[in-house]
Amino acid sequence: SLAKGLCFAKDIPLIGIDTLQLLAVKAMFG
């Protein structure tokens, strides 16, 4: 909700990150 509000207010794009893929990246570098 907060991310959407910022994007609407500033007219900038929204990026979605899959949390499980995010964990995979953390595992990779761990």
PDB file of all heavy atoms in Angstrom:
ATOM      1  N   SER A   1       0.825  -1.212   0.000  1.00  0.00           N
ATOM      2  CA  SER A   1       0.000   0.000   0.000  1.00  0.00           C
ATOM      3  C   SER A   1       0.856   1.256   0.000  1.00  0.00           C
ATOM      4  O   SER A   1       0.599   2.204  -0.749  1.00  0.00           O
ATOM      5  CB  SER A   1      -0.935   0.010   1.216  1.00  0.00           C
ATOM      6  OG  SER A   1      -1.871  -1.048   1.148  1.00  0.00           O
ATOM      7  N   LEU A   2       1.891   1.263   0.834  1.00  0.00           N
ATOM      8  CA  LEU A   2       2.757   2.438   0.876  1.00  0.00           C
ATOM      9  C   LEU A   2       3.543   2.589  -0.422  1.00  0.00           C
ATOM     10  O   LEU A   2       3.704   3.699  -0.935  1.00  0.00           O
ATOM     11  CB  LEU A   2       3.701   2.346   2.067  1.00  0.00           C
ATOM     12  CG  LEU A   2       4.387   3.656   2.471  1.00  0.00           C
ATOM     13  CD1 LEU A   2       4.651   3.689   3.966  1.00  0.00           C
ATOM     14  CD2 LEU A   2       5.682   3.867   1.710  1.00  0.00           C
ATOM     15  N   ALA A   3       4.007   1.465  -0.975  1.00  0.00           N
ATOM     16  CA  ALA A   3       4.749   1.515  -2.241  1.00  0.00           C
ATOM     17  C   ALA A   3       3.876   2.065  -3.357  1.00  0.00           C
ATOM     18  O   ALA A   3       4.316   2.900  -4.160  1.00  0.00           O
ATOM     19  CB  ALA A   3       5.256   0.116  -2.597  1.00  0.00           C
ATOM     20  N   LYS A   4       2.628   1.622  -3.419  1.00  0.00           N
ATOM     21  CA  LYS A   4       1.704   2.135  -4.435  1.00  0.00           C
ATOM     22  C   LYS A   4       1.496   3.632  -4.282  1.00  0.00           C
ATOM     23  O   LYS A   4       1.493   4.380  -5.270  1.00  0.00           O
ATOM     24  CB  LYS A   4       0.357   1.415  -4.325  1.00  0.00           C
ATOM     25  CG  LYS A   4       0.316   0.012  -4.887  1.00  0.00           C
ATOM     26  CD  LYS A   4      -1.104  -0.524  -4.786  1.00  0.00           C
ATOM     27  CE  LYS A   4      -1.273  -1.842  -5.489  1.00  0.00           C
ATOM     28  NZ  LYS A   4      -2.682  -2.306  -5.487  1.00  0.00           N
ATOM     29  N   GLY A   5       1.292   4.067  -3.031  1.00  0.00           N
ATOM     30  CA  GLY A   5       1.068   5.490  -2.793  1.00  0.00           C
ATOM     31  C   GLY A   5       2.230   6.343  -3.273  1.00  0.00           C
ATOM     32  O   GLY A   5       2.032   7.387  -3.891  1.00  0.00           O
ATOM     33  N   LEU A   6       3.446   5.876  -3.017  1.00  0.00           N
ATOM     34  CA  LEU A   6       4.626   6.609  -3.479  1.00  0.00           C
ATOM     35  C   LEU A   6       4.683   6.669  -5.005  1.00  0.00           C
ATOM     36  O   LEU A   6       4.995   7.712  -5.587  1.00  0.00           O
ATOM     37  CB  LEU A   6       5.888   5.938  -2.949  1.00  0.00           C
ATOM     38  CG  LEU A   6       6.358   6.321  -1.545  1.00  0.00           C
ATOM     39  CD1 LEU A   6       7.550   5.462  -1.142  1.00  0.00           C
ATOM     40  CD2 LEU A   6       6.732   7.795  -1.497  1.00  0.00           C
ATOM     41  N   CYS A   7       4.397   5.545  -5.636  1.00  0.00           N
ATOM     42  CA  CYS A   7       4.474   5.490  -7.104  1.00  0.00           C
ATOM     43  C   CYS A   7       3.434   6.395  -7.747  1.00  0.00           C
ATOM     44  O   CYS A   7       3.720   7.083  -8.736  1.00  0.00           O
ATOM     45  CB  CYS A   7       4.307   4.048  -7.584  1.00  0.00           C
ATOM     46  SG  CYS A   7       5.707   2.986  -7.191  1.00  0.00           S
ATOM     47  N   PHE A   8       2.227   6.410  -7.199  1.00  0.00           N
ATOM     48  CA  PHE A   8       1.201   7.303  -7.731  1.00  0.00           C
ATOM     49  C   PHE A   8       1.593   8.768  -7.513  1.00  0.00           C
ATOM     50  O   PHE A   8       1.452   9.606  -8.403  1.00  0.00           O
ATOM     51  CB  PHE A   8      -0.145   7.030  -7.064  1.00  0.00           C
ATOM     52  CG  PHE A   8      -0.909   5.887  -7.668  1.00  0.00           C
ATOM     53  CD1 PHE A   8      -1.323   4.818  -6.887  1.00  0.00           C
ATOM     54  CD2 PHE A   8      -1.215   5.867  -9.023  1.00  0.00           C
ATOM     55  CE1 PHE A   8      -2.031   3.760  -7.432  1.00  0.00           C
ATOM     56  CE2 PHE A   8      -1.929   4.814  -9.589  1.00  0.00           C
ATOM     57  CZ  PHE A   8      -2.337   3.760  -8.790  1.00  0.00           C
ATOM     58  N   ALA A   9       2.087   9.065  -6.314  1.00  0.00           N
ATOM     59  CA  ALA A   9       2.410  10.458  -5.985  1.00  0.00           C
ATOM     60  C   ALA A   9       3.553  10.998  -6.828  1.00  0.00           C
ATOM     61  O   ALA A   9       3.544  12.173  -7.221  1.00  0.00           O
ATOM     62  CB  ALA A   9       2.754  10.571  -4.505  1.00  0.00           C
ATOM     63  N   LYS A  10       4.529  10.166  -7.124  1.00  0.00           N
ATOM     64  CA  LYS A  10       5.717  10.614  -7.845  1.00  0.00           C
ATOM     65  C   LYS A  10       5.717  10.204  -9.312  1.00  0.00           C
ATOM     66  O   LYS A  10       6.669  10.505 -10.036  1.00  0.00           O
ATOM     67  CB  LYS A  10       6.974  10.086  -7.149  1.00  0.00           C
ATOM     68  CG  LYS A  10       7.154  10.649  -5.751  1.00  0.00           C
ATOM     69  CD  LYS A  10       8.449  10.181  -5.122  1.00  0.00           C
ATOM     70  CE  LYS A  10       8.683  10.858  -3.783  1.00  0.00           C
ATOM     71  NZ  LYS A  10       8.876  12.320  -3.932  1.00  0.00           N
ATOM     72  N   ASP A  11       4.665   9.494  -9.734  1.00  0.00           N
ATOM     73  CA  ASP A  11       4.540   9.049 -11.126  1.00  0.00           C
ATOM     74  C   ASP A  11       5.772   8.245 -11.566  1.00  0.00           C
ATOM     75  O   ASP A  11       6.406   8.534 -12.578  1.00  0.00           O
ATOM     76  CB  ASP A  11       4.336  10.243 -12.060  1.00  0.00           C
ATOM     77  CG  ASP A  11       3.875   9.809 -13.457  1.00  0.00           C
ATOM     78  OD1 ASP A  11       3.305   8.710 -13.573  1.00  0.00           O
ATOM     79  OD2 ASP A  11       4.100  10.560 -14.417  1.00  0.00           O
ATOM     80  N   ILE A  12       6.108   7.236 -10.759  1.00  0.00           N
ATOM     81  CA  ILE A  12       7.239   6.367 -11.057  1.00  0.00           C
ATOM     82  C   ILE A  12       6.769   4.915 -11.034  1.00  0.00           C
ATOM     83  O   ILE A  12       5.721   4.601 -10.463  1.00  0.00           O
ATOM     84  CB  ILE A  12       8.395   6.569 -10.051  1.00  0.00           C
ATOM     85  CG1 ILE A  12       7.891   6.386  -8.615  1.00  0.00           C
ATOM     86  CG2 ILE A  12       9.035   7.936 -10.240  1.00  0.00           C
ATOM     87  CD1 ILE A  12       8.987   6.515  -7.563  1.00  0.00           C
ATOM     88  N   PRO A  13       7.506   3.995 -11.648  1.00  0.00           N
ATOM     89  CA  PRO A  13       7.058   2.611 -11.736  1.00  0.00           C
ATOM     90  C   PRO A  13       7.214   1.834 -10.431  1.00  0.00           C
ATOM     91  O   PRO A  13       8.030   2.174  -9.574  1.00  0.00           O
ATOM     92  CB  PRO A  13       7.948   2.019 -12.834  1.00  0.00           C
ATOM     93  CG  PRO A  13       9.168   2.869 -12.845  1.00  0.00           C
ATOM     94  CD  PRO A  13       8.706   4.244 -12.475  1.00  0.00           C
ATOM     95  N   LEU A  14       6.407   0.773 -10.332  1.00  0.00           N
ATOM     96  CA  LEU A  14       6.412  -0.131  -9.191  1.00  0.00           C
ATOM     97  C   LEU A  14       7.009  -1.463  -9.615  1.00  0.00           C
ATOM     98  O   LEU A  14       6.635  -2.031 -10.639  1.00  0.00           O
ATOM     99  CB  LEU A  14       4.985  -0.331  -8.676  1.00  0.00           C
ATOM    100  CG  LEU A  14       4.792  -1.326  -7.530  1.00  0.00           C
ATOM    101  CD1 LEU A  14       5.487  -0.834  -6.261  1.00  0.00           C
ATOM    102  CD2 LEU A  14       3.289  -1.538  -7.264  1.00  0.00           C
ATOM    103  N   ILE A  15       7.927  -1.964  -8.819  1.00  0.00           N
ATOM    104  CA  ILE A  15       8.589  -3.247  -9.081  1.00  0.00           C
ATOM    105  C   ILE A  15       8.190  -4.229  -7.990  1.00  0.00           C
ATOM    106  O   ILE A  15       8.213  -3.900  -6.801  1.00  0.00           O
ATOM    107  CB  ILE A  15      10.126  -3.078  -9.083  1.00  0.00           C
ATOM    108  CG1 ILE A  15      10.556  -2.153 -10.226  1.00  0.00           C
ATOM    109  CG2 ILE A  15      10.832  -4.429  -9.180  1.00  0.00           C
ATOM    110  CD1 ILE A  15      12.004  -1.721 -10.144  1.00  0.00           C
ATOM    111  N   GLY A  16       7.817  -5.441  -8.380  1.00  0.00           N
ATOM    112  CA  GLY A  16       7.465  -6.479  -7.424  1.00  0.00           C
ATOM    113  C   GLY A  16       8.553  -7.536  -7.345  1.00  0.00           C
ATOM    114  O   GLY A  16       9.040  -8.006  -8.371  1.00  0.00           O
ATOM    115  N   ILE A  17       8.935  -7.899  -6.129  1.00  0.00           N
ATOM    116  CA  ILE A  17       9.969  -8.898  -5.915  1.00  0.00           C
ATOM    117  C   ILE A  17       9.367 -10.109  -5.208  1.00  0.00           C
ATOM    118  O   ILE A  17       8.720  -9.967  -4.163  1.00  0.00           O
ATOM    119  CB  ILE A  17      11.133  -8.331  -5.067  1.00  0.00           C
ATOM    120  CG1 ILE A  17      11.739  -7.099  -5.750  1.00  0.00           C
ATOM    121  CG2 ILE A  17      12.187  -9.403  -4.809  1.00  0.00           C
ATOM    122  CD1 ILE A  17      12.373  -7.379  -7.093  1.00  0.00           C
ATOM    123  N   ASP A  18       9.577 -11.300  -5.774  1.00  0.00           N
ATOM    124  CA  ASP A  18       9.127 -12.541  -5.153  1.00  0.00           C
ATOM    125  C   ASP A  18       9.981 -12.793  -3.911  1.00  0.00           C
ATOM    126  O   ASP A  18      11.209 -12.871  -3.991  1.00  0.00           O
ATOM    127  CB  ASP A  18       9.272 -13.687  -6.149  1.00  0.00           C
ATOM    128  CG  ASP A  18       8.714 -14.995  -5.621  1.00  0.00           C
ATOM    129  OD1 ASP A  18       9.179 -15.452  -4.562  1.00  0.00           O
ATOM    130  OD2 ASP A  18       7.824 -15.565  -6.278  1.00  0.00           O
ATOM    131  N   THR A  19       9.334 -12.943  -2.758  1.00  0.00           N
ATOM    132  CA  THR A  19      10.078 -13.096  -1.511  1.00  0.00           C
ATOM    133  C   THR A  19      10.905 -14.370  -1.482  1.00  0.00           C
ATOM    134  O   THR A  19      12.012 -14.397  -0.927  1.00  0.00           O
ATOM    135  CB  THR A  19       9.116 -13.075  -0.312  1.00  0.00           C
ATOM    136  OG1 THR A  19       8.292 -11.905  -0.388  1.00  0.00           O
ATOM    137  CG2 THR A  19       9.869 -13.048   1.000  1.00  0.00           C
ATOM    138  N   LEU A  20      10.404 -15.442  -2.073  1.00  0.00           N
ATOM    139  CA  LEU A  20      11.153 -16.694  -2.075  1.00  0.00           C
ATOM    140  C   LEU A  20      12.377 -16.614  -2.985  1.00  0.00           C
ATOM    141  O   LEU A  20      13.431 -17.184  -2.677  1.00  0.00           O
ATOM    142  CB  LEU A  20      10.242 -17.852  -2.483  1.00  0.00           C
ATOM    143  CG  LEU A  20       9.153 -18.183  -1.452  1.00  0.00           C
ATOM    144  CD1 LEU A  20       8.116 -19.132  -2.037  1.00  0.00           C
ATOM    145  CD2 LEU A  20       9.765 -18.769  -0.182  1.00  0.00           C
ATOM    146  N   GLN A  21      12.251 -15.908  -4.098  1.00  0.00           N
ATOM    147  CA  GLN A  21      13.423 -15.688  -4.941  1.00  0.00           C
ATOM    148  C   GLN A  21      14.425 -14.771  -4.234  1.00  0.00           C
ATOM    149  O   GLN A  21      15.646 -14.944  -4.362  1.00  0.00           O
ATOM    150  CB  GLN A  21      13.026 -15.091  -6.292  1.00  0.00           C
ATOM    151  CG  GLN A  21      14.185 -15.055  -7.290  1.00  0.00           C
ATOM    152  CD  GLN A  21      13.768 -14.530  -8.639  1.00  0.00           C
ATOM    153  OE1 GLN A  21      13.150 -13.477  -8.739  1.00  0.00           O
ATOM    154  NE2 GLN A  21      14.099 -15.267  -9.687  1.00  0.00           N
ATOM    155  N   LEU A  22      13.913 -13.814  -3.484  1.00  0.00           N
ATOM    156  CA  LEU A  22      14.770 -12.953  -2.684  1.00  0.00           C
ATOM    157  C   LEU A  22      15.582 -13.776  -1.690  1.00  0.00           C
ATOM    158  O   LEU A  22      16.782 -13.558  -1.501  1.00  0.00           O
ATOM    159  CB  LEU A  22      13.900 -11.917  -1.960  1.00  0.00           C
ATOM    160  CG  LEU A  22      14.542 -11.047  -0.888  1.00  0.00           C
ATOM    161  CD1 LEU A  22      15.711 -10.265  -1.446  1.00  0.00           C
ATOM    162  CD2 LEU A  22      13.495 -10.112  -0.298  1.00  0.00           C
ATOM    163  N   LEU A  23      14.942 -14.765  -1.059  1.00  0.00           N
ATOM    164  CA  LEU A  23      15.657 -15.651  -0.149  1.00  0.00           C
ATOM    165  C   LEU A  23      16.708 -16.471  -0.889  1.00  0.00           C
ATOM    166  O   LEU A  23      17.795 -16.732  -0.353  1.00  0.00           O
ATOM    167  CB  LEU A  23      14.669 -16.574   0.559  1.00  0.00           C
ATOM    168  CG  LEU A  23      13.900 -15.966   1.732  1.00  0.00           C
ATOM    169  CD1 LEU A  23      12.785 -16.894   2.179  1.00  0.00           C
ATOM    170  CD2 LEU A  23      14.834 -15.667   2.901  1.00  0.00           C
ATOM    171  N   ALA A  24      16.398 -16.872  -2.113  1.00  0.00           N
ATOM    172  CA  ALA A  24      17.375 -17.631  -2.906  1.00  0.00           C
ATOM    173  C   ALA A  24      18.624 -16.802  -3.172  1.00  0.00           C
ATOM    174  O   ALA A  24      19.746 -17.308  -3.122  1.00  0.00           O
ATOM    175  CB  ALA A  24      16.744 -18.089  -4.219  1.00  0.00           C
ATOM    176  N   VAL A  25      18.440 -15.511  -3.459  1.00  0.00           N
ATOM    177  CA  VAL A  25      19.586 -14.626  -3.651  1.00  0.00           C
ATOM    178  C   VAL A  25      20.398 -14.528  -2.370  1.00  0.00           C
ATOM    179  O   VAL A  25      21.640 -14.575  -2.384  1.00  0.00           O
ATOM    180  CB  VAL A  25      19.119 -13.221  -4.096  1.00  0.00           C
ATOM    181  CG1 VAL A  25      20.275 -12.235  -4.076  1.00  0.00           C
ATOM    182  CG2 VAL A  25      18.502 -13.288  -5.484  1.00  0.00           C
ATOM    183  N   LYS A  26      19.705 -14.409  -1.237  1.00  0.00           N
ATOM    184  CA  LYS A  26      20.399 -14.330   0.053  1.00  0.00           C
ATOM    185  C   LYS A  26      21.186 -15.610   0.315  1.00  0.00           C
ATOM    186  O   LYS A  26      22.311 -15.566   0.832  1.00  0.00           O
ATOM    187  CB  LYS A  26      19.385 -14.088   1.167  1.00  0.00           C
ATOM    188  CG  LYS A  26      19.992 -13.656   2.486  1.00  0.00           C
ATOM    189  CD  LYS A  26      18.906 -13.322   3.475  1.00  0.00           C
ATOM    190  CE  LYS A  26      19.484 -12.799   4.787  1.00  0.00           C
ATOM    191  NZ  LYS A  26      20.016 -11.436   4.657  1.00  0.00           N
ATOM    192  N   ALA A  27      20.605 -16.764  -0.055  1.00  0.00           N
ATOM    193  CA  ALA A  27      21.307 -18.035   0.104  1.00  0.00           C
ATOM    194  C   ALA A  27      22.534 -18.094  -0.801  1.00  0.00           C
ATOM    195  O   ALA A  27      23.609 -18.552  -0.400  1.00  0.00           O
ATOM    196  CB  ALA A  27      20.370 -19.191  -0.204  1.00  0.00           C
ATOM    197  N   MET A  28      22.385 -17.620  -2.026  1.00  0.00           N
ATOM    198  CA  MET A  28      23.478 -17.636  -2.996  1.00  0.00           C
ATOM    199  C   MET A  28      24.706 -16.914  -2.460  1.00  0.00           C
ATOM    200  O   MET A  28      25.830 -17.416  -2.511  1.00  0.00           O
ATOM    201  CB  MET A  28      23.009 -16.995  -4.308  1.00  0.00           C
ATOM    202  CG  MET A  28      24.040 -16.993  -5.412  1.00  0.00           C
ATOM    203  SD  MET A  28      23.495 -15.972  -6.809  1.00  0.00           S
ATOM    204  CE  MET A  28      21.938 -16.720  -7.235  1.00  0.00           C
ATOM    205  N   PHE A  29      24.471 -15.719  -1.930  1.00  0.00           N
ATOM    206  CA  PHE A  29      25.579 -14.924  -1.433  1.00  0.00           C
ATOM    207  C   PHE A  29      25.976 -15.281  -0.008  1.00  0.00           C
ATOM    208  O   PHE A  29      26.963 -14.761   0.509  1.00  0.00           O
ATOM    209  CB  PHE A  29      25.256 -13.443  -1.555  1.00  0.00           C
ATOM    210  CG  PHE A  29      25.206 -12.972  -2.984  1.00  0.00           C
ATOM    211  CD1 PHE A  29      23.999 -12.751  -3.621  1.00  0.00           C
ATOM    212  CD2 PHE A  29      26.377 -12.782  -3.692  1.00  0.00           C
ATOM    213  CE1 PHE A  29      23.953 -12.343  -4.939  1.00  0.00           C
ATOM    214  CE2 PHE A  29      26.347 -12.364  -5.014  1.00  0.00           C
ATOM    215  CZ  PHE A  29      25.133 -12.157  -5.645  1.00  0.00           C
ATOM    216  N   GLY A  30      25.210 -16.196   0.613  1.00  0.00           N
ATOM    217  CA  GLY A  30      25.566 -16.659   1.941  1.00  0.00           C
ATOM    218  C   GLY A  30      26.473 -17.875   1.942  1.00  0.00           C
ATOM    219  O   GLY A  30      26.972 -18.285   2.993  1.00  0.00           O
TER     220      GLY A  30
END
